[in-house]
Amino acid sequence: MGDFENREREEVFSKKVRAGKRTYFFDVKATRSNDYYVTITESKKRLEDGVFIKHKIFLYKEDFEKFAEGLMGTIDYIKEHQEVVEKRYEYSDAPETAKAADEDFSFEI
């Protein structure tokens, strides 16, 4: 039964987004009844010991619209009240360093 449960929890789709010192994972998984849901994971390396700390939320399809409305409303509020400059990151072959496309410095991720 263990193999069956693991197979059911396999990722159906995964998208990795690197953003400076953080990496976000957007994963589609399936329930036992084959309903899809999303997990959103933030992963960040702790500077003191190099351990990756992860925070995860589960988003179920019946909540997609409300979640998207809340997220976009919150982002719109910030954009209306403060300047938001999004950074685009370019990654070299060395996975431990990242460089912001519009800046001249590298930093640990």
C-alpha atoms as a PDB file:
ATOM      1  CA  MET A   1       0.000   0.000   0.000  1.00  0.00           C
ATOM      2  CA  GLY A   2       2.946   2.322   0.613  1.00  0.00           C
ATOM      3  CA  ASP A   3       3.890   2.339  -3.076  1.00  0.00           C
ATOM      4  CA  PHE A   4       0.297   3.152  -4.036  1.00  0.00           C
ATOM      5  CA  GLU A   5       0.170   6.105  -1.624  1.00  0.00           C
ATOM      6  CA  ASN A   6       3.526   7.443  -2.854  1.00  0.00           C
ATOM      7  CA  ARG A   7       2.421   7.147  -6.474  1.00  0.00           C
ATOM      8  CA  GLU A   8      -0.767   9.068  -5.704  1.00  0.00           C
ATOM      9  CA  ARG A   9       1.219  11.898  -4.120  1.00  0.00           C
ATOM     10  CA  GLU A  10       3.598  12.238  -7.074  1.00  0.00           C
ATOM     11  CA  GLU A  11       3.955  15.665  -8.547  1.00  0.00           C
ATOM     12  CA  VAL A  12       1.862  16.047 -11.670  1.00  0.00           C
ATOM     13  CA  PHE A  13       3.563  19.332 -12.630  1.00  0.00           C
ATOM     14  CA  SER A  14       6.302  21.434 -11.065  1.00  0.00           C
ATOM     15  CA  LYS A  15       7.549  24.965 -11.656  1.00  0.00           C
ATOM     16  CA  LYS A  16      10.684  26.289  -9.937  1.00  0.00           C
ATOM     17  CA  VAL A  17      11.119  30.056  -9.608  1.00  0.00           C
ATOM     18  CA  ARG A  18      14.427  31.437  -8.380  1.00  0.00           C
ATOM     19  CA  ALA A  19      14.236  34.919  -6.910  1.00  0.00           C
ATOM     20  CA  GLY A  20      17.504  36.052  -5.385  1.00  0.00           C
ATOM     21  CA  LYS A  21      18.098  34.320  -2.074  1.00  0.00           C
ATOM     22  CA  ARG A  22      14.780  32.490  -2.235  1.00  0.00           C
ATOM     23  CA  THR A  23      13.437  29.751  -4.455  1.00  0.00           C
ATOM     24  CA  TYR A  24       9.728  29.154  -4.895  1.00  0.00           C
ATOM     25  CA  PHE A  25       8.278  25.823  -6.003  1.00  0.00           C
ATOM     26  CA  PHE A  26       4.788  25.628  -7.475  1.00  0.00           C
ATOM     27  CA  ASP A  27       3.781  21.954  -7.556  1.00  0.00           C
ATOM     28  CA  VAL A  28       0.592  20.273  -8.757  1.00  0.00           C
ATOM     29  CA  LYS A  29      -0.174  17.092  -6.831  1.00  0.00           C
ATOM     30  CA  ALA A  30      -3.085  14.672  -6.788  1.00  0.00           C
ATOM     31  CA  THR A  31      -5.268  13.542  -3.898  1.00  0.00           C
ATOM     32  CA  ARG A  32      -6.245   9.893  -3.414  1.00  0.00           C
ATOM     33  CA  SER A  33      -9.359  10.589  -5.517  1.00  0.00           C
ATOM     34  CA  ASN A  34      -7.158  12.138  -8.248  1.00  0.00           C
ATOM     35  CA  ASP A  35      -8.206  15.739  -7.575  1.00  0.00           C
ATOM     36  CA  TYR A  36      -5.381  18.160  -8.244  1.00  0.00           C
ATOM     37  CA  TYR A  37      -4.169  20.711  -5.714  1.00  0.00           C
ATOM     38  CA  VAL A  38      -1.227  23.113  -5.543  1.00  0.00           C
ATOM     39  CA  THR A  39       1.562  23.332  -3.012  1.00  0.00           C
ATOM     40  CA  ILE A  40       3.576  26.546  -2.895  1.00  0.00           C
ATOM     41  CA  THR A  41       6.928  26.182  -1.156  1.00  0.00           C
ATOM     42  CA  GLU A  42       9.401  28.917  -0.249  1.00  0.00           C
ATOM     43  CA  SER A  43      12.949  27.652   0.287  1.00  0.00           C
ATOM     44  CA  LYS A  44      15.716  29.843   1.702  1.00  0.00           C
ATOM     45  CA  LYS A  45      19.192  28.928   2.891  1.00  0.00           C
ATOM     46  CA  ARG A  46      19.842  29.911   6.498  1.00  0.00           C
ATOM     47  CA  LEU A  47      23.092  31.890   6.613  1.00  0.00           C
ATOM     48  CA  GLU A  48      24.276  30.545   9.985  1.00  0.00           C
ATOM     49  CA  ASP A  49      24.493  26.885   8.994  1.00  0.00           C
ATOM     50  CA  GLY A  50      23.508  26.582   5.332  1.00  0.00           C
ATOM     51  CA  VAL A  51      20.365  24.598   6.156  1.00  0.00           C
ATOM     52  CA  PHE A  52      17.457  25.161   3.763  1.00  0.00           C
ATOM     53  CA  ILE A  53      14.325  26.349   5.570  1.00  0.00           C
ATOM     54  CA  LYS A  54      11.057  25.601   3.774  1.00  0.00           C
ATOM     55  CA  HIS A  55       7.587  27.024   4.238  1.00  0.00           C
ATOM     56  CA  LYS A  56       4.693  25.382   2.430  1.00  0.00           C
ATOM     57  CA  ILE A  57       1.045  26.199   1.824  1.00  0.00           C
ATOM     58  CA  PHE A  58      -1.593  24.031   0.213  1.00  0.00           C
ATOM     59  CA  LEU A  59      -4.029  25.560  -2.252  1.00  0.00           C
ATOM     60  CA  TYR A  60      -7.108  23.588  -3.267  1.00  0.00           C
ATOM     61  CA  LYS A  61      -8.912  24.158  -6.557  1.00  0.00           C
ATOM     62  CA  GLU A  62     -12.142  25.337  -4.925  1.00  0.00           C
ATOM     63  CA  ASP A  63     -10.109  28.226  -3.464  1.00  0.00           C
ATOM     64  CA  PHE A  64      -8.217  29.289  -6.636  1.00  0.00           C
ATOM     65  CA  GLU A  65     -10.413  32.301  -7.465  1.00  0.00           C
ATOM     66  CA  LYS A  66     -10.562  33.667  -3.905  1.00  0.00           C
ATOM     67  CA  PHE A  67      -6.815  33.138  -3.444  1.00  0.00           C
ATOM     68  CA  ALA A  68      -5.977  34.838  -6.758  1.00  0.00           C
ATOM     69  CA  GLU A  69      -8.309  37.763  -5.969  1.00  0.00           C
ATOM     70  CA  GLY A  70      -6.745  38.213  -2.530  1.00  0.00           C
ATOM     71  CA  LEU A  71      -3.197  37.988  -3.858  1.00  0.00           C
ATOM     72  CA  MET A  72      -3.769  40.375  -6.753  1.00  0.00           C
ATOM     73  CA  GLY A  73      -5.659  42.834  -4.528  1.00  0.00           C
ATOM     74  CA  THR A  74      -2.773  42.836  -2.072  1.00  0.00           C
ATOM     75  CA  ILE A  75      -0.152  43.282  -4.804  1.00  0.00           C
ATOM     76  CA  ASP A  76      -2.206  46.063  -6.423  1.00  0.00           C
ATOM     77  CA  TYR A  77      -2.410  47.863  -3.063  1.00  0.00           C
ATOM     78  CA  ILE A  78       1.368  47.852  -2.697  1.00  0.00           C
ATOM     79  CA  LYS A  79       1.898  48.974  -6.316  1.00  0.00           C
ATOM     80  CA  GLU A  80      -0.534  51.863  -5.766  1.00  0.00           C
ATOM     81  CA  HIS A  81       1.266  53.035  -2.613  1.00  0.00           C
ATOM     82  CA  GLN A  82       4.920  52.315  -3.352  1.00  0.00           C
ATOM     83  CA  GLU A  83       7.183  51.898  -6.341  1.00  0.00           C
ATOM     84  CA  VAL A  84       7.808  48.239  -7.111  1.00  0.00           C
ATOM     85  CA  VAL A  85      10.887  47.343  -9.136  1.00  0.00           C
ATOM     86  CA  GLU A  86      11.029  43.656  -9.951  1.00  0.00           C
ATOM     87  CA  LYS A  87      14.452  42.161 -10.414  1.00  0.00           C
ATOM     88  CA  ARG A  88      15.200  39.653 -13.135  1.00  0.00           C
ATOM     89  CA  TYR A  89      17.899  37.190 -12.168  1.00  0.00           C
ATOM     90  CA  GLU A  90      20.352  35.510 -14.494  1.00  0.00           C
ATOM     91  CA  TYR A  91      21.988  32.330 -13.299  1.00  0.00           C
ATOM     92  CA  SER A  92      25.505  31.264 -14.121  1.00  0.00           C
ATOM     93  CA  ASP A  93      26.741  27.684 -14.286  1.00  0.00           C
ATOM     94  CA  ALA A  94      27.786  27.979 -10.630  1.00  0.00           C
ATOM     95  CA  PRO A  95      24.563  27.319  -8.672  1.00  0.00           C
ATOM     96  CA  GLU A  96      25.832  29.050  -5.526  1.00  0.00           C
ATOM     97  CA  THR A  97      25.893  32.531  -7.065  1.00  0.00           C
ATOM     98  CA  ALA A  98      23.243  34.590  -8.777  1.00  0.00           C
ATOM     99  CA  LYS A  99      23.480  37.938 -10.500  1.00  0.00           C
ATOM    100  CA  ALA A 100      20.679  40.443 -10.813  1.00  0.00           C
ATOM    101  CA  ALA A 101      20.405  41.283 -14.509  1.00  0.00           C
ATOM    102  CA  ASP A 102      20.365  45.019 -13.902  1.00  0.00           C
ATOM    103  CA  GLU A 103      23.069  45.180 -11.231  1.00  0.00           C
ATOM    104  CA  ASP A 104      26.790  44.441 -11.038  1.00  0.00           C
ATOM    105  CA  PHE A 105      27.070  42.358  -7.902  1.00  0.00           C
ATOM    106  CA  SER A 106      26.810  38.672  -7.039  1.00  0.00           C
ATOM    107  CA  PHE A 107      25.591  37.184  -3.790  1.00  0.00           C
ATOM    108  CA  GLU A 108      25.103  33.815  -2.174  1.00  0.00           C
ATOM    109  CA  ILE A 109      21.740  32.087  -2.579  1.00  0.00           C
END
